[in-house]
């Protein structure tokens, strides 16, 4: 779909655009799992069609679920099996989708049989040991000698009881456990160990579970209790626009000036990444939430101010902020994102390397970085590390600085296949 590299067209003209983003990856994959576990048929309207969501949907199909994909209508239809996994044996390939790896591993423990979850070379470096430990505490038989995929599951249903869950590496461990907990043989209690990172994603999981008829009892974000109950199919179920994807277009307005509206994301979204607009507001951008969606406007005088931002709960937008920061007139500190080192690539290191390639001064720290104002941006070919967020974030720099080329732009297919077309349509 894309060439080996794309040069971004720079301009000094302020933006005036209204865009729409694809369906949320986080919402789509959660809804796919719950629809498969539910009783009855669910049609996911506005679903994301990307590598990550396809891996999840295709894995469910390999497990014997009736899954119909209609990309033209942005609809995925799943016939739920009421907690039963039809196939007794399957090998699932999930590419570099951490969400699919964690959610499917937990799902498989509800089956009766033997299963394998494997992924790309990078996925084989991404940790799952903490999730496997929690599943073992609940009576599951799961193994991964390296602590990363491939994972083998010898399933005979999930027992009940209490398990501790690591919270500081990935909130997806807790989300995976919560989603399957209603089908354990008895009540399940989950205790979060350490500070929970990306907490809004757990809140999203709880909300989607409630959409499908299961209530989670919880004390803050430290203890969660789930009683046995079956999810109910929803018939037609709407997927929200992706707030993470929206962050790039909000940032475009900050970098180039003018106004950009994302028409299918609002403040009422249950996705935590919408809070990125609050970071931009602190940098002196205007933010409006209206009937057409959320609009971000660059500062009237064009002067962005650097911020000190703890991004632990919205780490997927940290790289978006890193693209804006060189254009501010004071340094920007991004902290709380140690978990970003075990994403599709080591994102902290990638941000530092690519910013320096552009001639930007950066200080790297264990849980983040400090980015200094740049009087000039050097032309450069950005290495993307096969990470969609590196490609999308650093493309923003090229909206204002000439000579920025994005290598392997096709990696955006992971969550936003048409990203460069939408970006190129800004005016």
Protein backbone atom coordinates (compact mmCIF):
# COMPACT_ATOMS: atom_id res chain seq x y z
CA UNK A 1 0.00 0.00 0.00
CA UNK A 2 2.83 2.39 0.83
CA UNK A 3 6.34 2.75 -0.67
CA UNK A 4 9.50 1.99 1.32
CA UNK A 5 9.60 5.58 2.58
CA UNK A 6 7.39 8.67 2.56
CA UNK A 7 8.56 12.27 2.76
CA UNK A 8 6.14 14.47 4.67
CA UNK A 9 5.10 17.71 2.95
CA UNK A 10 6.02 20.66 5.19
CA UNK A 11 4.18 23.97 5.12
CA UNK A 12 3.94 27.17 7.12
CA UNK A 13 0.21 27.46 6.45
CA UNK A 14 -2.04 26.93 9.48
CA UNK A 15 -4.41 23.99 9.34
CA UNK A 16 -8.18 24.02 9.05
CA UNK A 17 -9.52 20.50 8.91
CA UNK A 18 -12.12 18.05 10.12
CA UNK A 19 -11.08 14.38 10.16
CA UNK A 20 -12.44 11.06 11.33
CA UNK A 21 -10.30 8.32 12.85
CA UNK A 22 -10.82 4.54 12.73
CA UNK A 23 -12.57 2.61 15.48
CA UNK A 24 -10.68 2.13 18.72
CA UNK A 25 -8.30 -0.83 18.76
CA UNK A 26 -8.72 -1.18 22.51
CA UNK A 27 -12.51 -1.14 22.29
CA UNK A 28 -12.65 -3.43 19.25
CA UNK A 29 -10.46 -6.17 20.73
CA UNK A 30 -12.25 -6.11 24.09
CA UNK A 31 -15.62 -6.32 22.37
CA UNK A 32 -14.43 -9.19 20.15
CA UNK A 33 -13.40 -11.26 23.17
CA UNK A 34 -16.60 -10.56 25.12
CA UNK A 35 -18.81 -11.15 22.09
CA UNK A 36 -17.20 -14.57 21.63
CA UNK A 37 -17.80 -15.40 25.30
CA UNK A 38 -21.37 -14.09 25.28
CA UNK A 39 -24.60 -15.92 24.59
CA UNK A 40 -26.02 -14.75 21.28
CA UNK A 41 -24.86 -12.72 18.29
CA UNK A 42 -23.15 -9.33 18.46
CA UNK A 43 -22.49 -6.98 15.55
CA UNK A 44 -19.62 -4.59 16.24
CA UNK A 45 -20.39 -1.41 14.29
CA UNK A 46 -17.57 0.98 13.48
CA UNK A 47 -15.02 -1.74 14.30
CA UNK A 48 -11.35 -1.21 13.55
CA UNK A 49 -9.99 -3.15 10.59
CA UNK A 50 -6.22 -3.28 11.10
CA UNK A 51 -3.52 -5.87 11.69
CA UNK A 52 -4.15 -6.03 15.45
CA UNK A 53 -7.91 -6.45 15.24
CA UNK A 54 -7.63 -8.91 12.36
CA UNK A 55 -5.23 -11.09 14.36
CA UNK A 56 -7.74 -11.19 17.21
CA UNK A 57 -10.72 -11.90 14.94
CA UNK A 58 -8.84 -14.53 12.93
CA UNK A 59 -7.69 -16.26 16.13
CA UNK A 60 -11.29 -16.50 17.29
CA UNK A 61 -12.24 -18.01 13.93
CA UNK A 62 -9.45 -20.61 14.29
CA UNK A 63 -10.92 -21.47 17.67
CA UNK A 64 -14.18 -22.36 15.96
CA UNK A 65 -16.19 -19.19 16.59
CA UNK A 66 -18.41 -17.93 13.78
CA UNK A 67 -16.81 -14.58 12.91
CA UNK A 68 -17.88 -12.53 9.90
CA UNK A 69 -15.84 -9.49 8.79
CA UNK A 70 -17.37 -6.82 6.56
CA UNK A 71 -14.70 -4.18 6.13
CA UNK A 72 -16.74 -2.04 3.73
CA UNK A 73 -19.43 -1.68 6.39
CA UNK A 74 -16.88 -1.47 9.24
CA UNK A 75 -18.71 -4.34 10.91
CA UNK A 76 -17.59 -7.51 12.66
CA UNK A 77 -20.22 -10.09 13.61
CA UNK A 78 -19.51 -12.73 16.25
CA UNK A 79 -21.75 -15.61 17.32
CA UNK A 80 -20.98 -16.15 20.99
CA UNK A 81 -20.75 -19.59 22.58
CA UNK A 82 -21.68 -18.72 26.16
CA UNK A 83 -18.20 -19.31 27.53
CA UNK A 84 -17.44 -22.44 25.50
CA UNK A 85 -14.42 -22.61 23.18
CA UNK A 86 -15.42 -24.81 20.22
CA UNK A 87 -11.96 -26.07 19.23
CA UNK A 88 -10.06 -28.48 21.45
CA UNK A 89 -6.75 -27.75 19.74
CA UNK A 90 -5.37 -24.71 17.91
CA UNK A 91 -2.19 -22.80 17.14
CA UNK A 92 -2.77 -19.04 17.07
CA UNK A 93 -0.47 -16.45 15.48
CA UNK A 94 -0.97 -12.90 16.70
CA UNK A 95 1.87 -10.96 15.05
CA UNK A 96 3.07 -8.22 17.39
CA UNK A 97 -0.30 -7.59 19.02
CA UNK A 98 0.23 -7.45 22.76
CA UNK A 99 -3.50 -7.00 23.34
CA UNK A 100 -4.35 -10.15 21.39
CA UNK A 101 -1.56 -12.14 23.07
CA UNK A 102 -2.73 -11.32 26.59
CA UNK A 103 -6.47 -11.49 25.99
CA UNK A 104 -6.34 -14.74 24.02
CA UNK A 105 -4.00 -16.46 26.48
CA UNK A 106 -6.51 -15.82 29.26
CA UNK A 107 -9.44 -16.80 27.05
CA UNK A 108 -7.88 -20.16 26.20
CA UNK A 109 -7.81 -21.25 29.84
CA UNK A 110 -11.62 -21.55 29.66
CA UNK A 111 -11.39 -24.27 27.00
CA UNK A 112 -10.92 -28.01 27.09
CA UNK A 113 -7.79 -28.91 25.17
CA UNK A 114 -4.31 -27.77 24.18
CA UNK A 115 -3.47 -24.47 22.53
CA UNK A 116 -0.44 -22.41 21.48
CA UNK A 117 -0.20 -18.62 21.16
CA UNK A 118 2.78 -17.35 19.17
CA UNK A 119 3.78 -14.13 17.45
CA UNK A 120 6.45 -12.18 15.60
CA UNK A 121 10.09 -11.97 16.61
CA UNK A 122 9.38 -8.82 18.65
CA UNK A 123 6.32 -10.42 20.29
CA UNK A 124 8.61 -13.22 21.41
CA UNK A 125 10.51 -10.57 23.41
CA UNK A 126 7.46 -9.04 25.09
CA UNK A 127 6.76 -10.28 28.63
CA UNK A 128 3.83 -12.46 29.63
CA UNK A 129 5.24 -14.13 32.74
CA UNK A 130 3.24 -11.99 35.17
CA UNK A 131 -0.02 -12.90 33.43
CA UNK A 132 0.88 -16.58 33.38
CA UNK A 133 1.68 -16.45 37.09
CA UNK A 134 -1.73 -14.95 37.85
CA UNK A 135 -3.52 -17.53 35.70
CA UNK A 136 -1.62 -20.30 37.48
CA UNK A 137 -2.86 -18.95 40.82
CA UNK A 138 -6.39 -19.43 39.47
CA UNK A 139 -5.72 -23.06 38.59
CA UNK A 140 -4.72 -22.76 34.94
CA UNK A 141 -1.93 -24.79 33.33
CA UNK A 142 0.06 -22.39 31.19
CA UNK A 143 3.73 -22.30 30.27
CA UNK A 144 6.22 -20.15 28.39
CA UNK A 145 9.84 -21.10 29.19
CA UNK A 146 11.18 -17.68 28.16
CA UNK A 147 8.40 -15.76 29.90
CA UNK A 148 7.34 -14.54 26.43
CA UNK A 149 5.46 -16.22 23.56
CA UNK A 150 5.12 -18.93 22.45
CA UNK A 151 2.70 -19.79 25.25
CA UNK A 152 1.24 -23.26 25.72
CA UNK A 153 -2.12 -23.65 27.41
CA UNK A 154 -3.42 -27.01 28.64
CA UNK A 155 -6.97 -26.01 29.40
CA UNK A 156 -9.60 -27.64 31.55
CA UNK A 157 -11.55 -24.58 32.61
CA UNK A 158 -10.62 -21.92 35.13
CA UNK A 159 -10.95 -22.49 38.86
CA UNK A 160 -11.81 -19.69 41.24
CA UNK A 161 -10.14 -17.93 44.14
CA UNK A 162 -7.72 -15.10 44.62
CA UNK A 163 -4.78 -14.03 42.48
CA UNK A 164 -2.24 -11.27 42.57
CA UNK A 165 -1.66 -9.30 39.40
CA UNK A 166 1.37 -7.19 38.50
CA UNK A 167 0.18 -3.71 37.64
CA UNK A 168 3.31 -1.79 36.69
CA UNK A 169 4.30 -3.58 33.46
CA UNK A 170 1.00 -3.71 31.59
CA UNK A 171 -2.62 -3.10 32.51
CA UNK A 172 -3.50 -5.69 29.87
CA UNK A 173 -2.73 -8.48 32.37
CA UNK A 174 -5.49 -7.28 34.66
CA UNK A 175 -7.87 -6.64 31.74
CA UNK A 176 -7.27 -10.15 30.39
CA UNK A 177 -8.04 -11.73 33.76
CA UNK A 178 -11.13 -9.61 34.34
CA UNK A 179 -12.62 -10.54 30.96
CA UNK A 180 -12.50 -14.30 31.63
CA UNK A 181 -13.23 -14.18 35.37
CA UNK A 182 -17.05 -14.48 35.00
CA UNK A 183 -16.54 -17.99 33.57
CA UNK A 184 -14.44 -19.33 36.43
CA UNK A 185 -16.07 -22.02 38.56
CA UNK A 186 -16.58 -19.59 41.42
CA UNK A 187 -15.90 -16.00 42.46
CA UNK A 188 -12.56 -14.45 41.51
CA UNK A 189 -10.71 -11.76 43.42
CA UNK A 190 -7.79 -9.95 41.82
CA UNK A 191 -5.33 -7.87 43.83
CA UNK A 192 -3.11 -5.42 41.95
CA UNK A 193 0.51 -5.42 43.06
CA UNK A 194 2.39 -2.16 42.59
CA UNK A 195 1.05 0.95 40.94
CA UNK A 196 -1.29 0.23 38.05
CA UNK A 197 -0.04 1.73 34.79
CA UNK A 198 -2.44 2.72 32.00
CA UNK A 199 -5.30 2.63 34.51
CA UNK A 200 -7.90 4.10 32.09
CA UNK A 201 -7.63 0.94 29.99
CA UNK A 202 -8.78 -1.13 32.98
CA UNK A 203 -11.69 1.27 33.45
CA UNK A 204 -12.52 0.70 29.77
CA UNK A 205 -12.45 -3.07 30.31
CA UNK A 206 -14.82 -2.80 33.27
CA UNK A 207 -17.16 -0.55 31.26
CA UNK A 208 -17.27 -2.93 28.26
CA UNK A 209 -17.90 -5.88 30.60
CA UNK A 210 -20.87 -3.95 31.99
CA UNK A 211 -22.09 -3.33 28.42
CA UNK A 212 -22.22 -7.12 28.02
CA UNK A 213 -24.04 -7.63 31.31
CA UNK A 214 -21.34 -8.34 33.91
CA UNK A 215 -20.65 -6.03 36.84
CA UNK A 216 -17.20 -5.85 38.42
CA UNK A 217 -16.95 -4.95 42.10
CA UNK A 218 -13.80 -3.01 42.86
CA UNK A 219 -12.13 -0.94 45.53
CA UNK A 220 -10.39 1.83 43.68
CA UNK A 221 -7.87 0.26 41.32
CA UNK A 222 -6.37 -2.20 43.80
CA UNK A 223 -8.90 -5.00 44.34
CA UNK A 224 -11.42 -6.39 41.85
CA UNK A 225 -14.10 -9.05 42.44
CA UNK A 226 -16.08 -10.88 39.77
CA UNK A 227 -18.86 -13.41 40.37
CA UNK A 228 -19.83 -16.18 37.91
CA UNK A 229 -22.14 -14.92 35.21
CA UNK A 230 -22.53 -15.16 31.44
CA UNK A 231 -22.09 -12.25 29.07
CA UNK A 232 -25.09 -11.46 26.89
CA UNK A 233 -24.82 -10.73 23.17
CA UNK A 234 -25.62 -7.14 22.32
CA UNK A 235 -27.14 -7.36 18.85
CA UNK A 236 -25.77 -4.09 17.46
CA UNK A 237 -22.88 -2.63 19.46
CA UNK A 238 -21.06 0.60 18.57
CA UNK A 239 -17.27 0.95 18.76
CA UNK A 240 -15.88 4.36 19.69
CA UNK A 241 -13.47 6.30 17.48
CA UNK A 242 -9.84 5.75 18.51
CA UNK A 243 -8.68 8.43 20.94
CA UNK A 244 -5.04 7.35 20.56
CA UNK A 245 -5.23 7.88 16.79
CA UNK A 246 -6.96 11.22 17.36
CA UNK A 247 -3.95 12.46 19.35
CA UNK A 248 -1.88 12.78 16.14
CA UNK A 249 -4.34 15.20 14.56
CA UNK A 250 -4.72 17.23 17.75
CA UNK A 251 -0.92 17.47 17.83
CA UNK A 252 -0.86 18.52 14.16
CA UNK A 253 -2.78 21.66 15.10
CA UNK A 254 -0.30 22.38 17.91
CA UNK A 255 2.69 22.02 15.57
CA UNK A 256 1.38 23.79 12.45
CA UNK A 257 -1.14 26.15 14.01
CA UNK A 258 -4.74 26.56 12.95
CA UNK A 259 -7.56 24.23 13.95
CA UNK A 260 -8.19 20.50 13.61
CA UNK A 261 -11.43 18.78 14.62
CA UNK A 262 -11.70 15.02 15.11
CA UNK A 263 -15.33 14.36 14.38
CA UNK A 264 -15.85 10.95 15.96
CA UNK A 265 -14.09 11.43 19.32
CA UNK A 266 -15.64 13.40 22.18
CA UNK A 267 -14.94 14.05 25.84
CA UNK A 268 -17.57 11.42 26.70
CA UNK A 269 -15.35 8.65 25.32
CA UNK A 270 -14.33 5.97 27.81
CA UNK A 271 -10.79 5.92 26.43
CA UNK A 272 -8.23 7.54 28.69
CA UNK A 273 -6.08 8.85 25.83
CA UNK A 274 -8.56 11.68 25.28
CA UNK A 275 -6.74 13.32 28.22
CA UNK A 276 -3.91 14.13 25.79
CA UNK A 277 -5.81 17.30 24.87
CA UNK A 278 -5.33 18.48 28.47
CA UNK A 279 -1.56 18.24 27.95
CA UNK A 280 -1.88 20.34 24.81
CA UNK A 281 -3.99 22.87 26.72
CA UNK A 282 -1.11 23.26 29.19
CA UNK A 283 1.12 23.97 26.20
CA UNK A 284 -1.23 26.92 25.37
CA UNK A 285 -3.42 25.21 22.77
CA UNK A 286 -7.15 25.85 22.67
CA UNK A 287 -9.44 22.85 23.22
CA UNK A 288 -13.17 22.78 22.46
CA UNK A 289 -15.62 19.88 22.82
CA UNK A 290 -18.60 20.54 20.57
CA UNK A 291 -21.27 18.72 18.57
CA UNK A 292 -18.82 18.13 15.71
CA UNK A 293 -16.23 16.51 17.99
CA UNK A 294 -13.12 17.77 19.77
CA UNK A 295 -11.27 20.71 18.21
CA UNK A 296 -7.69 21.71 19.05
CA UNK A 297 -6.29 25.07 17.97
CA UNK A 298 -2.66 26.10 18.07
CA UNK A 299 -1.68 29.02 20.33
CA UNK A 300 -2.84 32.37 18.87
CA UNK A 301 0.73 33.69 18.85
CA UNK A 302 2.21 30.36 17.76
CA UNK A 303 4.24 30.03 20.98
CA UNK A 304 3.98 26.59 22.57
CA UNK A 305 5.21 26.21 26.14
CA UNK A 306 6.95 23.05 27.33
CA UNK A 307 5.33 20.94 30.07
CA UNK A 308 6.25 18.42 32.75
CA UNK A 309 3.85 15.55 32.03
CA UNK A 310 3.36 12.27 33.89
CA UNK A 311 2.12 10.00 31.09
CA UNK A 312 1.91 6.70 33.00
CA UNK A 313 -1.84 6.43 32.39
CA UNK A 314 -1.74 7.50 28.72
CA UNK A 315 1.64 6.12 27.55
CA UNK A 316 0.51 5.59 23.95
CA UNK A 317 0.36 9.37 23.52
CA UNK A 318 3.81 10.01 25.01
CA UNK A 319 5.41 9.75 21.59
CA UNK A 320 2.86 12.20 20.20
CA UNK A 321 3.97 14.68 22.85
CA UNK A 322 7.60 13.98 21.96
CA UNK A 323 6.85 15.12 18.40
CA UNK A 324 5.33 18.38 19.62
CA UNK A 325 7.99 19.17 22.25
CA UNK A 326 10.84 20.40 19.97
CA UNK A 327 8.58 23.24 18.78
CA UNK A 328 7.96 24.55 22.33
CA UNK A 329 9.97 27.45 23.74
CA UNK A 330 10.87 25.66 27.01
CA UNK A 331 11.89 22.06 27.76
CA UNK A 332 9.33 19.27 28.03
CA UNK A 333 9.65 16.40 30.50
CA UNK A 334 7.85 13.12 29.82
CA UNK A 335 7.83 10.80 32.85
CA UNK A 336 6.16 7.64 34.12
CA UNK A 337 6.54 5.59 30.92
CA UNK A 338 8.99 2.85 31.87
CA UNK A 339 6.37 0.38 30.59
CA UNK A 340 6.88 1.84 27.10
CA UNK A 341 10.21 0.03 26.92
CA UNK A 342 8.40 -3.31 26.40
CA UNK A 343 5.93 -2.19 23.72
CA UNK A 344 6.26 -2.85 19.98
CA UNK A 345 9.78 -1.51 20.41
CA UNK A 346 11.64 0.15 23.27
CA UNK A 347 9.77 3.39 22.76
CA UNK A 348 11.77 5.47 25.21
CA UNK A 349 15.00 4.61 23.43
CA UNK A 350 13.36 5.04 20.02
CA UNK A 351 12.12 8.55 20.88
CA UNK A 352 15.57 9.60 22.01
CA UNK A 353 17.36 8.11 19.00
CA UNK A 354 15.04 9.60 16.39
CA UNK A 355 14.83 13.03 18.01
CA UNK A 356 18.62 13.18 18.07
CA UNK A 357 18.63 12.15 14.40
CA UNK A 358 16.56 15.28 13.79
CA UNK A 359 19.09 17.41 15.68
CA UNK A 360 17.00 17.73 18.84
CA UNK A 361 18.70 17.68 22.25
CA UNK A 362 17.29 14.93 24.50
CA UNK A 363 18.11 13.54 27.95
CA UNK A 364 17.06 9.91 28.47
CA UNK A 365 15.91 8.62 31.86
CA UNK A 366 14.74 5.22 33.08
CA UNK A 367 11.08 6.19 32.94
CA UNK A 368 11.08 8.93 30.32
CA UNK A 369 12.99 11.78 28.73
CA UNK A 370 13.53 15.53 28.63
CA UNK A 371 13.21 17.24 25.24
CA UNK A 372 14.69 20.68 24.62
CA UNK A 373 13.51 23.36 22.18
CA UNK A 374 15.02 23.06 18.71
CA UNK A 375 15.78 26.17 16.68
CA UNK A 376 16.24 24.02 13.60
CA UNK A 377 15.11 20.49 12.70
CA UNK A 378 17.62 18.58 10.59
CA UNK A 379 16.34 16.66 7.55
CA UNK A 380 16.40 12.94 8.34
CA UNK A 381 15.05 9.52 7.46
CA UNK A 382 13.23 8.27 10.56
CA UNK A 383 13.69 4.63 11.53
CA UNK A 384 10.31 3.26 12.63
CA UNK A 385 11.38 -0.07 14.21
CA UNK A 386 8.20 -1.59 12.70
CA UNK A 387 6.30 0.40 15.34
CA UNK A 388 3.17 2.17 14.12
CA UNK A 389 3.35 4.86 16.81
CA UNK A 390 6.91 5.85 15.86
CA UNK A 391 5.80 6.29 12.25
CA UNK A 392 2.68 8.30 13.05
CA UNK A 393 4.23 10.53 15.72
CA UNK A 394 7.40 11.47 13.83
CA UNK A 395 5.43 12.16 10.67
CA UNK A 396 4.00 15.13 12.58
CA UNK A 397 7.43 16.75 12.77
CA UNK A 398 7.48 16.81 8.98
CA UNK A 399 4.35 18.94 8.83
CA UNK A 400 6.50 21.92 9.79
CA UNK A 401 10.12 20.86 9.18
CA UNK A 402 11.27 20.02 5.66
CA UNK A 403 13.08 16.83 4.76
CA UNK A 404 11.50 14.40 7.24
CA UNK A 405 11.15 10.96 5.67
CA UNK A 406 9.37 8.04 7.35
CA UNK A 407 10.83 4.62 6.50
CA UNK A 408 8.61 1.52 6.43
CA UNK A 409 5.43 3.62 6.58
CA UNK A 410 3.35 0.48 6.05
CA UNK A 411 3.79 -0.40 9.72
CA UNK A 412 0.83 1.90 10.46
CA UNK A 413 -1.38 -0.98 9.28
CA UNK A 414 -1.18 -2.26 12.84
CA UNK A 415 -3.86 0.23 13.96
CA UNK A 416 -4.45 2.90 11.27
CA UNK A 417 -3.88 1.62 7.71
CA UNK A 418 -4.92 4.90 6.02
CA UNK A 419 -2.99 7.20 8.36
CA UNK A 420 -0.78 8.85 5.74
CA UNK A 421 -3.72 9.45 3.42
CA UNK A 422 -5.65 11.19 6.20
CA UNK A 423 -2.56 13.15 7.26
CA UNK A 424 -1.92 14.22 3.69
CA UNK A 425 -5.49 15.48 3.43
CA UNK A 426 -5.06 18.08 6.16
CA UNK A 427 -5.42 21.60 4.80
